């Protein structure tokens, strides 16, 4: 991500779109969703999408979770001609309109209260991915902090280490870990 005029990088944005298929139109809505995912992949700032299909016996609600490098990139995609055309196709085979949720930065780590559109992965999977991300960072940060601040109490060293780790986990590591391991976190989407 390129910094803006103030030297800050734009914040990644996660957007969740969901809609319910009309009775008997599930295949048509799935086709539109596949076309949306394919078209979105060439959009500026696109960082990935996961499409979640309904489980048998549940309402035919289809969900797309997409990640863009910035709000401007997401806005450009939303206002694009291809997205508009595919949105109109989706409207014709769905009921109840489009439900949209958006999260940026730290919010993307957590499920939004009262909005269970995306079923989170099992907790053990989230724990394993979080541990795999944080263990090497924690080890490296502690080694560096001990070398740079050898005469400082470990409790005091923990303050800058924890601040750096939280920032790295939120904006750099976890978005990538989620993308790299989505095949394991969301196997039904593949």
C-alpha atoms as a PDB file:
ATOM      1  CA  UNK A   1       0.000   0.000   0.000  1.00  0.00           C
ATOM      2  CA  UNK A   2       1.277   3.437  -0.898  1.00  0.00           C
ATOM      3  CA  UNK A   3       1.230   6.137   1.802  1.00  0.00           C
ATOM      4  CA  UNK A   4      -1.006   9.158   1.310  1.00  0.00           C
ATOM      5  CA  UNK A   5       0.084  12.811   1.545  1.00  0.00           C
ATOM      6  CA  UNK A   6       0.312  12.532   5.348  1.00  0.00           C
ATOM      7  CA  UNK A   7       2.558   9.466   5.122  1.00  0.00           C
ATOM      8  CA  UNK A   8      -0.054   6.986   6.345  1.00  0.00           C
ATOM      9  CA  UNK A   9      -0.980   3.886   4.389  1.00  0.00           C
ATOM     10  CA  UNK A  10      -4.650   3.461   3.469  1.00  0.00           C
ATOM     11  CA  UNK A  11      -6.486   0.998   5.670  1.00  0.00           C
ATOM     12  CA  UNK A  12      -7.523  -2.332   4.156  1.00  0.00           C
ATOM     13  CA  UNK A  13     -11.275  -2.824   3.920  1.00  0.00           C
ATOM     14  CA  UNK A  14     -13.269  -6.027   4.279  1.00  0.00           C
ATOM     15  CA  UNK A  15     -16.777  -5.999   2.862  1.00  0.00           C
ATOM     16  CA  UNK A  16     -19.412  -8.689   3.276  1.00  0.00           C
ATOM     17  CA  UNK A  17     -22.221  -8.953   0.745  1.00  0.00           C
ATOM     18  CA  UNK A  18     -25.061 -11.416   1.159  1.00  0.00           C
ATOM     19  CA  UNK A  19     -28.330 -12.085  -0.588  1.00  0.00           C
ATOM     20  CA  UNK A  20     -30.969 -14.799  -0.679  1.00  0.00           C
ATOM     21  CA  UNK A  21     -31.813 -16.688  -3.873  1.00  0.00           C
ATOM     22  CA  UNK A  22     -35.377 -16.810  -5.157  1.00  0.00           C
ATOM     23  CA  UNK A  23     -36.872 -20.305  -4.852  1.00  0.00           C
ATOM     24  CA  UNK A  24     -35.479 -22.459  -7.644  1.00  0.00           C
ATOM     25  CA  UNK A  25     -32.945 -19.792  -8.706  1.00  0.00           C
ATOM     26  CA  UNK A  26     -29.983 -20.916  -6.594  1.00  0.00           C
ATOM     27  CA  UNK A  27     -27.952 -22.084  -9.608  1.00  0.00           C
ATOM     28  CA  UNK A  28     -28.518 -18.768 -11.393  1.00  0.00           C
ATOM     29  CA  UNK A  29     -27.418 -16.781  -8.325  1.00  0.00           C
ATOM     30  CA  UNK A  30     -24.349 -19.004  -7.909  1.00  0.00           C
ATOM     31  CA  UNK A  31     -23.434 -18.285 -11.537  1.00  0.00           C
ATOM     32  CA  UNK A  32     -23.714 -14.523 -10.970  1.00  0.00           C
ATOM     33  CA  UNK A  33     -21.601 -14.809  -7.795  1.00  0.00           C
ATOM     34  CA  UNK A  34     -18.921 -16.743  -9.683  1.00  0.00           C
ATOM     35  CA  UNK A  35     -18.934 -14.043 -12.391  1.00  0.00           C
ATOM     36  CA  UNK A  36     -18.699 -11.314  -9.737  1.00  0.00           C
ATOM     37  CA  UNK A  37     -15.725 -13.015  -8.066  1.00  0.00           C
ATOM     38  CA  UNK A  38     -13.963 -13.404 -11.428  1.00  0.00           C
ATOM     39  CA  UNK A  39     -14.611  -9.787 -12.463  1.00  0.00           C
ATOM     40  CA  UNK A  40     -13.604  -8.477  -9.035  1.00  0.00           C
ATOM     41  CA  UNK A  41     -10.238 -10.251  -9.229  1.00  0.00           C
ATOM     42  CA  UNK A  42      -9.036  -7.751 -11.829  1.00  0.00           C
ATOM     43  CA  UNK A  43     -10.182  -4.683  -9.857  1.00  0.00           C
ATOM     44  CA  UNK A  44      -7.564  -2.256  -8.549  1.00  0.00           C
ATOM     45  CA  UNK A  45      -6.736  -2.966  -4.918  1.00  0.00           C
ATOM     46  CA  UNK A  46      -8.423  -6.377  -4.921  1.00  0.00           C
ATOM     47  CA  UNK A  47      -6.844  -8.637  -2.284  1.00  0.00           C
ATOM     48  CA  UNK A  48      -9.125 -11.659  -2.291  1.00  0.00           C
ATOM     49  CA  UNK A  49     -12.656 -12.956  -2.032  1.00  0.00           C
ATOM     50  CA  UNK A  50     -14.288 -15.947  -0.394  1.00  0.00           C
ATOM     51  CA  UNK A  51     -17.744 -17.044  -1.556  1.00  0.00           C
ATOM     52  CA  UNK A  52     -19.802 -18.982   0.981  1.00  0.00           C
ATOM     53  CA  UNK A  53     -22.677 -21.150  -0.206  1.00  0.00           C
ATOM     54  CA  UNK A  54     -25.606 -22.171   2.026  1.00  0.00           C
ATOM     55  CA  UNK A  55     -25.598 -25.535   3.737  1.00  0.00           C
ATOM     56  CA  UNK A  56     -28.255 -28.044   2.626  1.00  0.00           C
ATOM     57  CA  UNK A  57     -31.484 -27.551   4.526  1.00  0.00           C
ATOM     58  CA  UNK A  58     -30.717 -23.895   5.348  1.00  0.00           C
ATOM     59  CA  UNK A  59     -32.099 -20.754   3.673  1.00  0.00           C
ATOM     60  CA  UNK A  60     -30.429 -20.146   0.283  1.00  0.00           C
ATOM     61  CA  UNK A  61     -28.317 -17.194   1.481  1.00  0.00           C
ATOM     62  CA  UNK A  62     -25.102 -16.641  -0.450  1.00  0.00           C
ATOM     63  CA  UNK A  63     -22.287 -14.562   1.025  1.00  0.00           C
ATOM     64  CA  UNK A  64     -19.160 -12.992  -0.449  1.00  0.00           C
ATOM     65  CA  UNK A  65     -16.361 -11.711   1.792  1.00  0.00           C
ATOM     66  CA  UNK A  66     -14.008  -9.473  -0.178  1.00  0.00           C
ATOM     67  CA  UNK A  67     -10.910  -7.563   0.809  1.00  0.00           C
ATOM     68  CA  UNK A  68      -9.631  -4.387  -0.853  1.00  0.00           C
ATOM     69  CA  UNK A  69      -6.456  -2.420  -0.188  1.00  0.00           C
ATOM     70  CA  UNK A  70      -8.381   0.789   0.554  1.00  0.00           C
ATOM     71  CA  UNK A  71     -11.822   2.355   0.726  1.00  0.00           C
ATOM     72  CA  UNK A  72     -11.094   4.161  -2.557  1.00  0.00           C
ATOM     73  CA  UNK A  73     -10.393   0.834  -4.279  1.00  0.00           C
ATOM     74  CA  UNK A  74     -13.639  -0.639  -2.932  1.00  0.00           C
ATOM     75  CA  UNK A  75     -15.578   2.462  -4.013  1.00  0.00           C
ATOM     76  CA  UNK A  76     -14.101   2.199  -7.529  1.00  0.00           C
ATOM     77  CA  UNK A  77     -15.203  -1.440  -7.750  1.00  0.00           C
ATOM     78  CA  UNK A  78     -18.691  -0.685  -6.425  1.00  0.00           C
ATOM     79  CA  UNK A  79     -19.168   2.084  -8.997  1.00  0.00           C
ATOM     80  CA  UNK A  80     -17.768   0.041 -11.902  1.00  0.00           C
ATOM     81  CA  UNK A  81     -19.920  -0.793 -14.921  1.00  0.00           C
ATOM     82  CA  UNK A  82     -19.306  -4.559 -14.695  1.00  0.00           C
ATOM     83  CA  UNK A  83     -20.271  -4.638 -11.040  1.00  0.00           C
ATOM     84  CA  UNK A  84     -23.447  -2.683 -11.835  1.00  0.00           C
ATOM     85  CA  UNK A  85     -24.421  -5.107 -14.588  1.00  0.00           C
ATOM     86  CA  UNK A  86     -23.780  -8.181 -12.437  1.00  0.00           C
ATOM     87  CA  UNK A  87     -25.588  -6.581  -9.489  1.00  0.00           C
ATOM     88  CA  UNK A  88     -28.657  -6.120 -11.716  1.00  0.00           C
ATOM     89  CA  UNK A  89     -28.449  -9.801 -12.732  1.00  0.00           C
ATOM     90  CA  UNK A  90     -28.268 -10.821  -9.077  1.00  0.00           C
ATOM     91  CA  UNK A  91     -31.306  -8.669  -8.272  1.00  0.00           C
ATOM     92  CA  UNK A  92     -33.328 -10.655 -10.823  1.00  0.00           C
ATOM     93  CA  UNK A  93     -32.630 -14.006  -9.152  1.00  0.00           C
ATOM     94  CA  UNK A  94     -32.749 -12.987  -5.486  1.00  0.00           C
ATOM     95  CA  UNK A  95     -35.192 -11.731  -2.894  1.00  0.00           C
ATOM     96  CA  UNK A  96     -34.850  -9.159  -0.145  1.00  0.00           C
ATOM     97  CA  UNK A  97     -32.089  -7.084  -1.715  1.00  0.00           C
ATOM     98  CA  UNK A  98     -28.405  -6.941  -0.913  1.00  0.00           C
ATOM     99  CA  UNK A  99     -27.171  -6.957   2.694  1.00  0.00           C
ATOM    100  CA  UNK A 100     -23.820  -5.171   3.096  1.00  0.00           C
ATOM    101  CA  UNK A 101     -21.418  -5.018   6.048  1.00  0.00           C
ATOM    102  CA  UNK A 102     -18.011  -3.432   6.097  1.00  0.00           C
ATOM    103  CA  UNK A 103     -15.045  -3.560   8.459  1.00  0.00           C
ATOM    104  CA  UNK A 104     -11.608  -1.959   8.352  1.00  0.00           C
ATOM    105  CA  UNK A 105      -8.422  -2.539  10.304  1.00  0.00           C
ATOM    106  CA  UNK A 106      -8.914  -4.132  13.714  1.00  0.00           C
ATOM    107  CA  UNK A 107     -12.644  -4.648  13.135  1.00  0.00           C
ATOM    108  CA  UNK A 108     -11.804  -7.229  10.468  1.00  0.00           C
ATOM    109  CA  UNK A 109     -10.400  -9.556  13.142  1.00  0.00           C
ATOM    110  CA  UNK A 110     -13.682  -9.913  14.973  1.00  0.00           C
ATOM    111  CA  UNK A 111     -17.176 -11.057  14.145  1.00  0.00           C
ATOM    112  CA  UNK A 112     -19.577  -8.135  14.233  1.00  0.00           C
ATOM    113  CA  UNK A 113     -22.108  -8.486  17.061  1.00  0.00           C
ATOM    114  CA  UNK A 114     -25.630  -9.382  15.996  1.00  0.00           C
ATOM    115  CA  UNK A 115     -24.526  -9.924  12.395  1.00  0.00           C
ATOM    116  CA  UNK A 116     -23.775 -13.645  11.974  1.00  0.00           C
ATOM    117  CA  UNK A 117     -23.714 -13.557   8.155  1.00  0.00           C
ATOM    118  CA  UNK A 118     -20.364 -15.284   7.904  1.00  0.00           C
ATOM    119  CA  UNK A 119     -19.950 -18.368  10.001  1.00  0.00           C
ATOM    120  CA  UNK A 120     -16.502 -18.024  11.539  1.00  0.00           C
ATOM    121  CA  UNK A 121     -14.088 -20.926  11.330  1.00  0.00           C
ATOM    122  CA  UNK A 122     -13.943 -23.290  14.312  1.00  0.00           C
ATOM    123  CA  UNK A 123     -12.161 -21.735  17.280  1.00  0.00           C
ATOM    124  CA  UNK A 124      -9.366 -24.286  17.226  1.00  0.00           C
ATOM    125  CA  UNK A 125      -8.517 -23.258  13.652  1.00  0.00           C
ATOM    126  CA  UNK A 126      -8.496 -19.569  14.587  1.00  0.00           C
ATOM    127  CA  UNK A 127      -6.295 -20.400  17.589  1.00  0.00           C
ATOM    128  CA  UNK A 128      -3.825 -22.400  15.479  1.00  0.00           C
ATOM    129  CA  UNK A 129      -3.528 -19.668  12.823  1.00  0.00           C
ATOM    130  CA  UNK A 130      -3.179 -16.951  15.475  1.00  0.00           C
ATOM    131  CA  UNK A 131      -0.496 -18.948  17.316  1.00  0.00           C
ATOM    132  CA  UNK A 132       1.370 -19.668  14.058  1.00  0.00           C
ATOM    133  CA  UNK A 133       1.374 -15.941  13.328  1.00  0.00           C
ATOM    134  CA  UNK A 134       2.198 -14.600  16.761  1.00  0.00           C
ATOM    135  CA  UNK A 135       4.814 -17.093  17.999  1.00  0.00           C
ATOM    136  CA  UNK A 136       7.596 -16.151  15.557  1.00  0.00           C
ATOM    137  CA  UNK A 137       6.752 -12.446  15.912  1.00  0.00           C
ATOM    138  CA  UNK A 138       6.826 -12.668  19.699  1.00  0.00           C
ATOM    139  CA  UNK A 139      10.123 -14.549  19.695  1.00  0.00           C
ATOM    140  CA  UNK A 140      11.756 -12.098  17.291  1.00  0.00           C
ATOM    141  CA  UNK A 141      10.374  -9.017  19.070  1.00  0.00           C
ATOM    142  CA  UNK A 142      11.588 -10.254  22.458  1.00  0.00           C
ATOM    143  CA  UNK A 143      15.077 -10.997  21.105  1.00  0.00           C
ATOM    144  CA  UNK A 144      15.305  -7.543  19.521  1.00  0.00           C
ATOM    145  CA  UNK A 145      13.913  -5.779  22.606  1.00  0.00           C
ATOM    146  CA  UNK A 146      16.332  -7.638  24.904  1.00  0.00           C
ATOM    147  CA  UNK A 147      19.261  -6.648  22.664  1.00  0.00           C
ATOM    148  CA  UNK A 148      18.200  -3.006  22.364  1.00  0.00           C
ATOM    149  CA  UNK A 149      17.087  -2.569  25.984  1.00  0.00           C
ATOM    150  CA  UNK A 150      19.264  -4.970  28.013  1.00  0.00           C
ATOM    151  CA  UNK A 151      19.038  -3.041  31.288  1.00  0.00           C
ATOM    152  CA  UNK A 152      15.294  -2.468  31.165  1.00  0.00           C
ATOM    153  CA  UNK A 153      12.940  -4.630  33.174  1.00  0.00           C
ATOM    154  CA  UNK A 154      11.134  -7.297  31.084  1.00  0.00           C
ATOM    155  CA  UNK A 155       7.832  -5.826  32.255  1.00  0.00           C
ATOM    156  CA  UNK A 156       8.739  -2.397  30.842  1.00  0.00           C
ATOM    157  CA  UNK A 157      10.090  -3.955  27.597  1.00  0.00           C
ATOM    158  CA  UNK A 158       6.723  -5.634  27.153  1.00  0.00           C
ATOM    159  CA  UNK A 159       5.002  -2.292  26.471  1.00  0.00           C
ATOM    160  CA  UNK A 160       6.709  -1.473  23.129  1.00  0.00           C
ATOM    161  CA  UNK A 161       6.798  -5.157  22.156  1.00  0.00           C
ATOM    162  CA  UNK A 162       3.037  -5.519  22.647  1.00  0.00           C
ATOM    163  CA  UNK A 163       2.291  -2.300  20.750  1.00  0.00           C
ATOM    164  CA  UNK A 164       4.394  -3.407  17.767  1.00  0.00           C
ATOM    165  CA  UNK A 165       2.911  -6.921  17.811  1.00  0.00           C
ATOM    166  CA  UNK A 166      -0.680  -5.663  17.852  1.00  0.00           C
ATOM    167  CA  UNK A 167      -0.018  -3.333  14.924  1.00  0.00           C
ATOM    168  CA  UNK A 168       1.750  -6.054  12.920  1.00  0.00           C
ATOM    169  CA  UNK A 169      -0.948  -8.631  13.640  1.00  0.00           C
ATOM    170  CA  UNK A 170      -3.787  -6.260  12.748  1.00  0.00           C
ATOM    171  CA  UNK A 171      -2.541  -4.651   9.566  1.00  0.00           C
ATOM    172  CA  UNK A 172       0.063  -6.993   8.163  1.00  0.00           C
ATOM    173  CA  UNK A 173       0.152 -10.545   9.461  1.00  0.00           C
ATOM    174  CA  UNK A 174      -3.446 -11.655  10.092  1.00  0.00           C
ATOM    175  CA  UNK A 175      -4.864 -10.402   6.770  1.00  0.00           C
ATOM    176  CA  UNK A 176      -2.190 -12.416   4.993  1.00  0.00           C
ATOM    177  CA  UNK A 177      -2.532 -15.482   7.233  1.00  0.00           C
ATOM    178  CA  UNK A 178      -6.288 -15.468   6.629  1.00  0.00           C
ATOM    179  CA  UNK A 179      -5.721 -15.265   2.872  1.00  0.00           C
ATOM    180  CA  UNK A 180      -2.988 -17.928   2.837  1.00  0.00           C
ATOM    181  CA  UNK A 181      -4.942 -20.385   4.982  1.00  0.00           C
ATOM    182  CA  UNK A 182      -8.495 -19.721   3.767  1.00  0.00           C
ATOM    183  CA  UNK A 183      -8.532 -23.201   2.177  1.00  0.00           C
ATOM    184  CA  UNK A 184      -8.326 -24.604   5.722  1.00  0.00           C
ATOM    185  CA  UNK A 185     -10.337 -21.929   7.540  1.00  0.00           C
ATOM    186  CA  UNK A 186     -13.233 -21.964   5.031  1.00  0.00           C
ATOM    187  CA  UNK A 187     -13.056 -25.347   3.259  1.00  0.00           C
ATOM    188  CA  UNK A 188     -16.717 -25.230   2.154  1.00  0.00           C
ATOM    189  CA  UNK A 189     -15.924 -22.145   0.037  1.00  0.00           C
ATOM    190  CA  UNK A 190     -13.520 -24.161  -2.151  1.00  0.00           C
END
